[in-house]
């Protein structure tokens, strides 16, 4: 009887996983996606924020591209950015002096929650500076 139950459970599990959109290679041991991407764009900025689930650890990287043409902004020594949600607050500093594209290194996210259940997060650039702009990053 136990063998029949195990076989039925296995068949149901295979059918369930086969019917989902997610490839088994992209699912962690805990049934969560191994990586998620949030993306947002407006006339001035293109932002891509990725999170990675490595076992029980969370890592992230952020790419920020400036598409605008404000020379004052390009010449600032640094710009502050934050990525916020009620469950997360990440922040960093970068400069546009050498390039219109900033790509952070992949970093460990200490104390973060993995946002695989979120549909969108908020990106704010220049907060507490003369310049401030925000955009919504949607999960893709």
Protein backbone atom coordinates (compact mmCIF):
# COMPACT_ATOMS: atom_id res chain seq x y z
CA UNK A 1 0.00 0.00 0.00
CA UNK A 2 2.84 2.42 0.89
CA UNK A 3 4.54 1.78 -2.44
CA UNK A 4 1.35 2.56 -4.36
CA UNK A 5 0.92 5.82 -2.42
CA UNK A 6 4.53 6.84 -3.09
CA UNK A 7 4.10 6.10 -6.79
CA UNK A 8 0.88 8.15 -6.99
CA UNK A 9 2.56 11.04 -5.17
CA UNK A 10 5.49 10.88 -7.57
CA UNK A 11 3.17 10.90 -10.61
CA UNK A 12 1.25 13.89 -9.25
CA UNK A 13 4.50 15.74 -8.50
CA UNK A 14 5.85 15.09 -12.01
CA UNK A 15 2.59 16.24 -13.59
CA UNK A 16 2.54 19.39 -11.43
CA UNK A 17 6.14 20.31 -12.23
CA UNK A 18 5.64 19.54 -15.90
CA UNK A 19 2.61 21.83 -16.04
CA UNK A 20 4.40 24.84 -14.60
CA UNK A 21 6.22 27.47 -16.59
CA UNK A 22 9.36 27.21 -14.50
CA UNK A 23 12.21 24.99 -15.59
CA UNK A 24 13.44 22.57 -12.91
CA UNK A 25 16.98 23.94 -13.38
CA UNK A 26 15.74 27.34 -12.16
CA UNK A 27 14.07 26.04 -9.00
CA UNK A 28 15.94 25.79 -5.72
CA UNK A 29 15.68 22.89 -3.32
CA UNK A 30 12.95 24.79 -1.45
CA UNK A 31 10.78 25.17 -4.59
CA UNK A 32 11.66 28.84 -5.02
CA UNK A 33 13.21 30.34 -8.18
CA UNK A 34 17.00 30.53 -7.99
CA UNK A 35 16.96 34.06 -9.39
CA UNK A 36 14.51 36.91 -9.91
CA UNK A 37 14.79 40.10 -11.92
CA UNK A 38 13.14 43.48 -11.44
CA UNK A 39 13.34 46.01 -14.27
CA UNK A 40 12.18 49.60 -14.73
CA UNK A 41 12.73 52.30 -17.30
CA UNK A 42 11.82 55.91 -17.97
CA UNK A 43 13.21 58.66 -20.21
CA UNK A 44 16.32 59.07 -17.99
CA UNK A 45 17.05 55.67 -16.45
CA UNK A 46 17.09 51.94 -17.13
CA UNK A 47 17.48 49.86 -13.95
CA UNK A 48 17.80 46.08 -13.64
CA UNK A 49 18.00 44.58 -10.15
CA UNK A 50 18.59 40.83 -9.76
CA UNK A 51 18.44 38.65 -6.67
CA UNK A 52 19.89 35.15 -6.42
CA UNK A 53 19.03 32.40 -3.95
CA UNK A 54 22.14 30.34 -3.20
CA UNK A 55 21.07 27.67 -0.71
CA UNK A 56 19.71 29.83 2.10
CA UNK A 57 21.87 32.87 1.25
CA UNK A 58 20.69 35.82 -0.86
CA UNK A 59 22.91 37.72 -3.29
CA UNK A 60 22.08 40.65 -5.54
CA UNK A 61 23.45 42.87 -8.29
CA UNK A 62 22.15 46.08 -9.80
CA UNK A 63 22.68 47.67 -13.20
CA UNK A 64 21.85 51.37 -13.61
CA UNK A 65 22.03 53.05 -17.02
CA UNK A 66 21.62 56.81 -17.40
CA UNK A 67 19.89 57.65 -20.70
CA UNK A 68 19.46 61.38 -20.06
CA UNK A 69 21.70 64.27 -21.07
CA UNK A 70 22.00 66.42 -17.92
CA UNK A 71 25.71 67.40 -17.82
CA UNK A 72 25.43 68.60 -14.21
CA UNK A 73 24.22 65.15 -13.17
CA UNK A 74 26.96 63.42 -15.18
CA UNK A 75 29.62 65.49 -13.41
CA UNK A 76 28.50 64.89 -9.83
CA UNK A 77 31.22 63.06 -7.85
CA UNK A 78 28.66 60.51 -6.67
CA UNK A 79 24.97 59.65 -6.74
CA UNK A 80 23.10 57.80 -4.01
CA UNK A 81 20.50 55.18 -4.88
CA UNK A 82 18.18 52.98 -2.88
CA UNK A 83 15.91 50.07 -3.65
CA UNK A 84 13.03 49.89 -1.23
CA UNK A 85 10.07 47.83 -0.25
CA UNK A 86 8.54 47.20 3.14
CA UNK A 87 10.72 44.06 3.35
CA UNK A 88 14.01 45.43 1.97
CA UNK A 89 16.20 48.52 1.82
CA UNK A 90 19.35 48.33 -0.28
CA UNK A 91 21.49 51.35 -1.01
CA UNK A 92 24.64 52.29 -2.84
CA UNK A 93 26.71 55.06 -4.35
CA UNK A 94 27.99 55.40 -7.90
CA UNK A 95 29.24 58.03 -10.36
CA UNK A 96 28.40 58.79 -13.99
CA UNK A 97 31.76 60.51 -14.64
CA UNK A 98 33.45 57.58 -16.37
CA UNK A 99 30.39 55.88 -17.89
CA UNK A 100 26.62 56.18 -18.27
CA UNK A 101 26.33 52.58 -17.01
CA UNK A 102 26.96 51.38 -13.46
CA UNK A 103 26.93 47.65 -12.74
CA UNK A 104 27.45 46.64 -9.12
CA UNK A 105 29.37 43.56 -8.19
CA UNK A 106 27.33 40.62 -7.06
CA UNK A 107 27.05 41.03 -3.29
CA UNK A 108 25.70 39.08 -0.36
CA UNK A 109 22.53 40.61 1.01
CA UNK A 110 22.77 40.33 4.77
CA UNK A 111 19.41 40.48 6.52
CA UNK A 112 17.42 40.70 3.29
CA UNK A 113 14.31 38.83 2.35
CA UNK A 114 14.15 37.07 -0.99
CA UNK A 115 11.50 38.98 -2.94
CA UNK A 116 10.21 36.14 -5.14
CA UNK A 117 6.65 36.88 -3.99
CA UNK A 118 6.83 40.60 -4.91
CA UNK A 119 5.60 42.01 -8.22
CA UNK A 120 7.34 45.41 -7.90
CA UNK A 121 9.81 47.42 -5.83
CA UNK A 122 10.79 51.12 -5.83
CA UNK A 123 14.10 52.51 -7.07
CA UNK A 124 15.08 56.00 -5.86
CA UNK A 125 18.10 57.88 -7.15
CA UNK A 126 19.61 61.02 -5.67
CA UNK A 127 17.59 60.88 -2.45
CA UNK A 128 18.82 63.64 -0.08
CA UNK A 129 20.66 65.36 -2.95
CA UNK A 130 19.77 68.25 -5.26
CA UNK A 131 18.42 65.72 -7.74
CA UNK A 132 15.85 63.03 -6.94
CA UNK A 133 13.94 60.67 -9.18
CA UNK A 134 12.18 57.38 -8.59
CA UNK A 135 10.77 54.62 -10.71
CA UNK A 136 8.97 51.35 -10.15
CA UNK A 137 10.86 48.17 -10.97
CA UNK A 138 8.55 45.36 -12.05
CA UNK A 139 9.35 41.71 -11.82
CA UNK A 140 9.97 40.18 -15.21
